Amino acid sequence: MAEREVVVRNPSGLHARPAATFVKAAGALGADVRVTNLTRDPEKSASAKSVLGVMGLGVARGHRIRIVATGDGAVDAVSSLADLVAAGLGETIDEA
């Protein structure tokens, strides 16, 4: 098992397009990956491979999420997904 916490920095959080980007990346991984919105509800998690599940967590900009992976490639899965979130999920990050 591997896990990592990261702050969502892109303007729209994990909604629509960024959520789809996240889910597509998670779907390409062999590990079972779950994500939790620690800011809103640390008791609720969703499969990182479900766009509806991810969007249902209500992750907005500035929220802290936990990415947890189990199985083959868990460490690499967590690292790649956390890096994707930190980079803005394909959106421009305004540092202001």
N, C-alpha and C. Protein backbone atom coordinates (compact mmCIF):
# COMPACT_ATOMS: atom_id res chain seq x y z
N MET A 1 0.84 -1.18 0.00
CA MET A 1 0.00 0.00 0.00
C MET A 1 0.89 1.24 0.00
N ALA A 2 0.43 2.25 -0.71
CA ALA A 2 1.12 3.53 -0.74
C ALA A 2 0.08 4.63 -0.65
N GLU A 3 0.46 5.75 -0.06
CA GLU A 3 -0.46 6.88 0.01
C GLU A 3 0.30 8.18 0.03
N ARG A 4 -0.40 9.22 -0.39
CA ARG A 4 0.21 10.55 -0.42
C ARG A 4 -0.90 11.58 -0.36
N GLU A 5 -0.65 12.68 0.32
CA GLU A 5 -1.60 13.79 0.37
C GLU A 5 -1.07 14.91 -0.52
N VAL A 6 -2.00 15.59 -1.18
CA VAL A 6 -1.64 16.68 -2.07
C VAL A 6 -2.76 17.72 -2.07
N VAL A 7 -2.39 18.99 -2.24
CA VAL A 7 -3.36 20.07 -2.32
C VAL A 7 -3.71 20.30 -3.78
N VAL A 8 -5.00 20.37 -4.06
CA VAL A 8 -5.48 20.62 -5.43
C VAL A 8 -5.33 22.10 -5.71
N ARG A 9 -4.57 22.43 -6.76
CA ARG A 9 -4.22 23.82 -7.04
C ARG A 9 -4.88 24.39 -8.28
N ASN A 10 -5.46 23.54 -9.12
CA ASN A 10 -6.06 24.06 -10.35
C ASN A 10 -7.37 24.78 -10.04
N PRO A 11 -7.75 25.75 -10.87
CA PRO A 11 -8.91 26.61 -10.57
C PRO A 11 -10.24 25.88 -10.37
N SER A 12 -10.49 24.81 -11.09
CA SER A 12 -11.80 24.16 -10.99
C SER A 12 -11.81 22.90 -10.14
N GLY A 13 -10.74 22.62 -9.41
CA GLY A 13 -10.71 21.43 -8.57
C GLY A 13 -10.86 20.16 -9.39
N LEU A 14 -11.48 19.14 -8.82
CA LEU A 14 -11.68 17.88 -9.54
C LEU A 14 -13.11 17.83 -10.09
N HIS A 15 -13.38 18.73 -11.02
CA HIS A 15 -14.69 18.80 -11.66
C HIS A 15 -14.51 18.65 -13.17
N ALA A 16 -15.45 17.98 -13.81
CA ALA A 16 -15.52 17.81 -15.26
C ALA A 16 -14.18 17.42 -15.89
N ARG A 17 -13.58 18.32 -16.63
CA ARG A 17 -12.37 17.98 -17.39
C ARG A 17 -11.20 17.52 -16.51
N PRO A 18 -10.86 18.23 -15.42
CA PRO A 18 -9.76 17.75 -14.59
C PRO A 18 -10.06 16.38 -13.96
N ALA A 19 -11.30 16.14 -13.58
CA ALA A 19 -11.67 14.84 -13.03
C ALA A 19 -11.50 13.76 -14.08
N ALA A 20 -11.89 14.05 -15.31
CA ALA A 20 -11.73 13.08 -16.40
C ALA A 20 -10.26 12.79 -16.65
N THR A 21 -9.42 13.81 -16.59
CA THR A 21 -7.98 13.63 -16.76
C THR A 21 -7.42 12.73 -15.66
N PHE A 22 -7.84 12.98 -14.43
CA PHE A 22 -7.40 12.20 -13.27
C PHE A 22 -7.84 10.74 -13.41
N VAL A 23 -9.10 10.53 -13.76
CA VAL A 23 -9.67 9.18 -13.88
C VAL A 23 -9.02 8.42 -15.03
N LYS A 24 -8.77 9.09 -16.13
CA LYS A 24 -8.11 8.44 -17.28
C LYS A 24 -6.72 7.96 -16.87
N ALA A 25 -5.97 8.79 -16.16
CA ALA A 25 -4.63 8.41 -15.71
C ALA A 25 -4.71 7.24 -14.72
N ALA A 26 -5.68 7.30 -13.81
CA ALA A 26 -5.83 6.21 -12.83
C ALA A 26 -6.24 4.91 -13.51
N GLY A 27 -7.08 5.01 -14.53
CA GLY A 27 -7.55 3.84 -15.25
C GLY A 27 -6.45 3.09 -15.98
N ALA A 28 -5.39 3.79 -16.30
CA ALA A 28 -4.27 3.17 -17.02
C ALA A 28 -3.33 2.43 -16.08
N LEU A 29 -3.59 2.51 -14.79
CA LEU A 29 -2.71 1.90 -13.79
C LEU A 29 -3.25 0.55 -13.34
N GLY A 30 -2.37 -0.34 -12.98
CA GLY A 30 -2.78 -1.66 -12.53
C GLY A 30 -3.24 -1.69 -11.09
N ALA A 31 -2.82 -0.74 -10.31
CA ALA A 31 -3.15 -0.72 -8.88
C ALA A 31 -4.60 -0.29 -8.66
N ASP A 32 -5.14 -0.70 -7.52
CA ASP A 32 -6.45 -0.21 -7.09
C ASP A 32 -6.19 1.11 -6.38
N VAL A 33 -6.82 2.19 -6.85
CA VAL A 33 -6.54 3.52 -6.32
C VAL A 33 -7.83 4.15 -5.80
N ARG A 34 -7.74 4.74 -4.61
CA ARG A 34 -8.88 5.44 -4.03
C ARG A 34 -8.43 6.85 -3.66
N VAL A 35 -9.37 7.77 -3.69
CA VAL A 35 -9.08 9.17 -3.37
C VAL A 35 -10.09 9.65 -2.33
N THR A 36 -9.60 10.48 -1.40
CA THR A 36 -10.42 11.04 -0.33
C THR A 36 -10.22 12.53 -0.28
N ASN A 37 -11.31 13.28 -0.13
CA ASN A 37 -11.24 14.72 0.06
C ASN A 37 -11.13 14.97 1.56
N LEU A 38 -9.92 15.20 2.03
CA LEU A 38 -9.68 15.39 3.46
C LEU A 38 -10.28 16.69 3.98
N THR A 39 -10.44 17.66 3.13
CA THR A 39 -10.97 18.96 3.52
C THR A 39 -12.47 18.89 3.77
N ARG A 40 -13.19 18.18 2.93
CA ARG A 40 -14.65 18.15 3.03
C ARG A 40 -15.17 16.98 3.87
N ASP A 41 -14.69 15.77 3.61
CA ASP A 41 -15.21 14.60 4.32
C ASP A 41 -14.15 13.50 4.34
N PRO A 42 -13.30 13.49 5.37
CA PRO A 42 -12.21 12.51 5.42
C PRO A 42 -12.66 11.06 5.60
N GLU A 43 -13.94 10.83 5.85
CA GLU A 43 -14.45 9.47 6.01
C GLU A 43 -14.94 8.87 4.69
N LYS A 44 -15.08 9.68 3.64
CA LYS A 44 -15.63 9.22 2.36
C LYS A 44 -14.52 9.15 1.31
N SER A 45 -14.42 8.00 0.66
CA SER A 45 -13.46 7.88 -0.43
C SER A 45 -14.18 7.34 -1.66
N ALA A 46 -13.51 7.45 -2.79
CA ALA A 46 -14.08 6.97 -4.05
C ALA A 46 -12.99 6.34 -4.89
N SER A 47 -13.39 5.46 -5.76
CA SER A 47 -12.43 4.89 -6.71
C SER A 47 -11.90 5.99 -7.60
N ALA A 48 -10.59 6.03 -7.77
CA ALA A 48 -9.97 7.02 -8.65
C ALA A 48 -10.24 6.70 -10.11
N LYS A 49 -10.87 5.56 -10.37
CA LYS A 49 -11.17 5.14 -11.73
C LYS A 49 -12.62 5.41 -12.11
N SER A 50 -13.36 6.13 -11.25
CA SER A 50 -14.75 6.47 -11.48
C SER A 50 -14.92 7.98 -11.52
N VAL A 51 -15.27 8.51 -12.69
CA VAL A 51 -15.42 9.96 -12.81
C VAL A 51 -16.56 10.47 -11.92
N LEU A 52 -17.65 9.73 -11.83
CA LEU A 52 -18.75 10.16 -10.96
C LEU A 52 -18.34 10.10 -9.49
N GLY A 53 -17.59 9.08 -9.13
CA GLY A 53 -17.12 8.97 -7.76
C GLY A 53 -16.19 10.11 -7.39
N VAL A 54 -15.26 10.42 -8.26
CA VAL A 54 -14.30 11.50 -8.02
C VAL A 54 -15.02 12.84 -7.94
N MET A 55 -15.92 13.09 -8.89
CA MET A 55 -16.65 14.36 -8.87
C MET A 55 -17.56 14.47 -7.64
N GLY A 56 -18.07 13.33 -7.18
CA GLY A 56 -18.94 13.30 -6.01
C GLY A 56 -18.24 13.68 -4.71
N LEU A 57 -16.92 13.70 -4.71
CA LEU A 57 -16.18 14.09 -3.51
C LEU A 57 -16.17 15.60 -3.31
N GLY A 58 -16.54 16.35 -4.33
CA GLY A 58 -16.63 17.80 -4.20
C GLY A 58 -15.30 18.48 -3.95
N VAL A 59 -14.27 18.04 -4.64
CA VAL A 59 -12.94 18.61 -4.44
C VAL A 59 -12.82 19.94 -5.18
N ALA A 60 -12.56 21.00 -4.43
CA ALA A 60 -12.38 22.34 -4.99
C ALA A 60 -10.92 22.76 -4.83
N ARG A 61 -10.61 23.87 -5.46
CA ARG A 61 -9.25 24.41 -5.35
C ARG A 61 -8.92 24.65 -3.87
N GLY A 62 -7.72 24.27 -3.48
CA GLY A 62 -7.26 24.45 -2.12
C GLY A 62 -7.58 23.28 -1.20
N HIS A 63 -8.40 22.34 -1.66
CA HIS A 63 -8.71 21.17 -0.84
C HIS A 63 -7.53 20.21 -0.83
N ARG A 64 -7.35 19.53 0.29
CA ARG A 64 -6.31 18.52 0.43
C ARG A 64 -6.96 17.16 0.18
N ILE A 65 -6.33 16.38 -0.70
CA ILE A 65 -6.82 15.03 -0.98
C ILE A 65 -5.77 14.01 -0.60
N ARG A 66 -6.25 12.79 -0.31
CA ARG A 66 -5.36 11.67 -0.05
C ARG A 66 -5.56 10.66 -1.18
N ILE A 67 -4.47 10.22 -1.76
CA ILE A 67 -4.49 9.20 -2.80
C ILE A 67 -3.86 7.95 -2.20
N VAL A 68 -4.61 6.84 -2.22
CA VAL A 68 -4.15 5.58 -1.65
C VAL A 68 -4.24 4.50 -2.72
N ALA A 69 -3.16 3.74 -2.88
CA ALA A 69 -3.15 2.67 -3.88
C ALA A 69 -2.68 1.38 -3.23
N THR A 70 -3.27 0.28 -3.70
CA THR A 70 -2.86 -1.05 -3.27
C THR A 70 -2.66 -1.91 -4.51
N GLY A 71 -1.86 -2.95 -4.35
CA GLY A 71 -1.64 -3.87 -5.46
C GLY A 71 -0.38 -3.53 -6.24
N ASP A 72 -0.24 -4.18 -7.40
CA ASP A 72 0.93 -4.00 -8.24
C ASP A 72 1.10 -2.55 -8.67
N GLY A 73 2.28 -2.02 -8.45
CA GLY A 73 2.59 -0.66 -8.88
C GLY A 73 1.99 0.42 -8.02
N ALA A 74 1.65 0.10 -6.77
CA ALA A 74 0.98 1.07 -5.89
C ALA A 74 1.82 2.34 -5.68
N VAL A 75 3.10 2.18 -5.43
CA VAL A 75 3.96 3.35 -5.18
C VAL A 75 4.02 4.25 -6.41
N ASP A 76 4.22 3.65 -7.57
CA ASP A 76 4.28 4.43 -8.82
C ASP A 76 2.93 5.08 -9.12
N ALA A 77 1.84 4.38 -8.84
CA ALA A 77 0.50 4.92 -9.09
C ALA A 77 0.27 6.18 -8.26
N VAL A 78 0.56 6.10 -6.98
CA VAL A 78 0.36 7.25 -6.10
C VAL A 78 1.25 8.41 -6.53
N SER A 79 2.48 8.11 -6.84
CA SER A 79 3.42 9.15 -7.25
C SER A 79 2.96 9.85 -8.53
N SER A 80 2.57 9.08 -9.53
CA SER A 80 2.18 9.69 -10.81
C SER A 80 0.89 10.49 -10.67
N LEU A 81 -0.08 9.99 -9.91
CA LEU A 81 -1.34 10.73 -9.75
C LEU A 81 -1.14 11.98 -8.90
N ALA A 82 -0.35 11.90 -7.85
CA ALA A 82 -0.08 13.08 -7.02
C ALA A 82 0.66 14.14 -7.83
N ASP A 83 1.60 13.71 -8.66
CA ASP A 83 2.32 14.66 -9.51
C ASP A 83 1.38 15.32 -10.51
N LEU A 84 0.44 14.55 -11.05
CA LEU A 84 -0.54 15.09 -12.00
C LEU A 84 -1.41 16.15 -11.33
N VAL A 85 -1.86 15.87 -10.12
CA VAL A 85 -2.68 16.84 -9.38
C VAL A 85 -1.85 18.08 -9.06
N ALA A 86 -0.63 17.90 -8.60
CA ALA A 86 0.23 19.04 -8.25
C ALA A 86 0.53 19.92 -9.46
N ALA A 87 0.55 19.31 -10.65
CA ALA A 87 0.83 20.06 -11.87
C ALA A 87 -0.40 20.76 -12.43
N GLY A 88 -1.58 20.53 -11.84
CA GLY A 88 -2.77 21.25 -12.27
C GLY A 88 -3.74 20.47 -13.14
N LEU A 89 -3.49 19.17 -13.36
CA LEU A 89 -4.41 18.35 -14.14
C LEU A 89 -4.71 18.92 -15.51
N GLY A 90 -3.70 19.49 -16.14
CA GLY A 90 -3.86 20.03 -17.49
C GLY A 90 -4.37 21.45 -17.53
N GLU A 91 -4.65 22.05 -16.38
CA GLU A 91 -5.11 23.43 -16.33
C GLU A 91 -3.96 24.33 -15.88
N THR A 92 -4.03 25.57 -16.27
CA THR A 92 -3.03 26.54 -15.86
C THR A 92 -3.27 26.91 -14.40
N ILE A 93 -2.21 26.90 -13.63
CA ILE A 93 -2.30 27.25 -12.22
C ILE A 93 -1.89 28.70 -12.06
N ASP A 94 -2.80 29.48 -11.49
CA ASP A 94 -2.53 30.89 -11.19
C ASP A 94 -1.95 30.94 -9.80
N GLU A 95 -0.71 31.35 -9.69
CA GLU A 95 -0.01 31.37 -8.40
C GLU A 95 -0.44 32.55 -7.52
N ALA A 96 -1.20 33.48 -8.06
CA ALA A 96 -1.59 34.67 -7.28
C ALA A 96 -2.57 34.36 -6.19
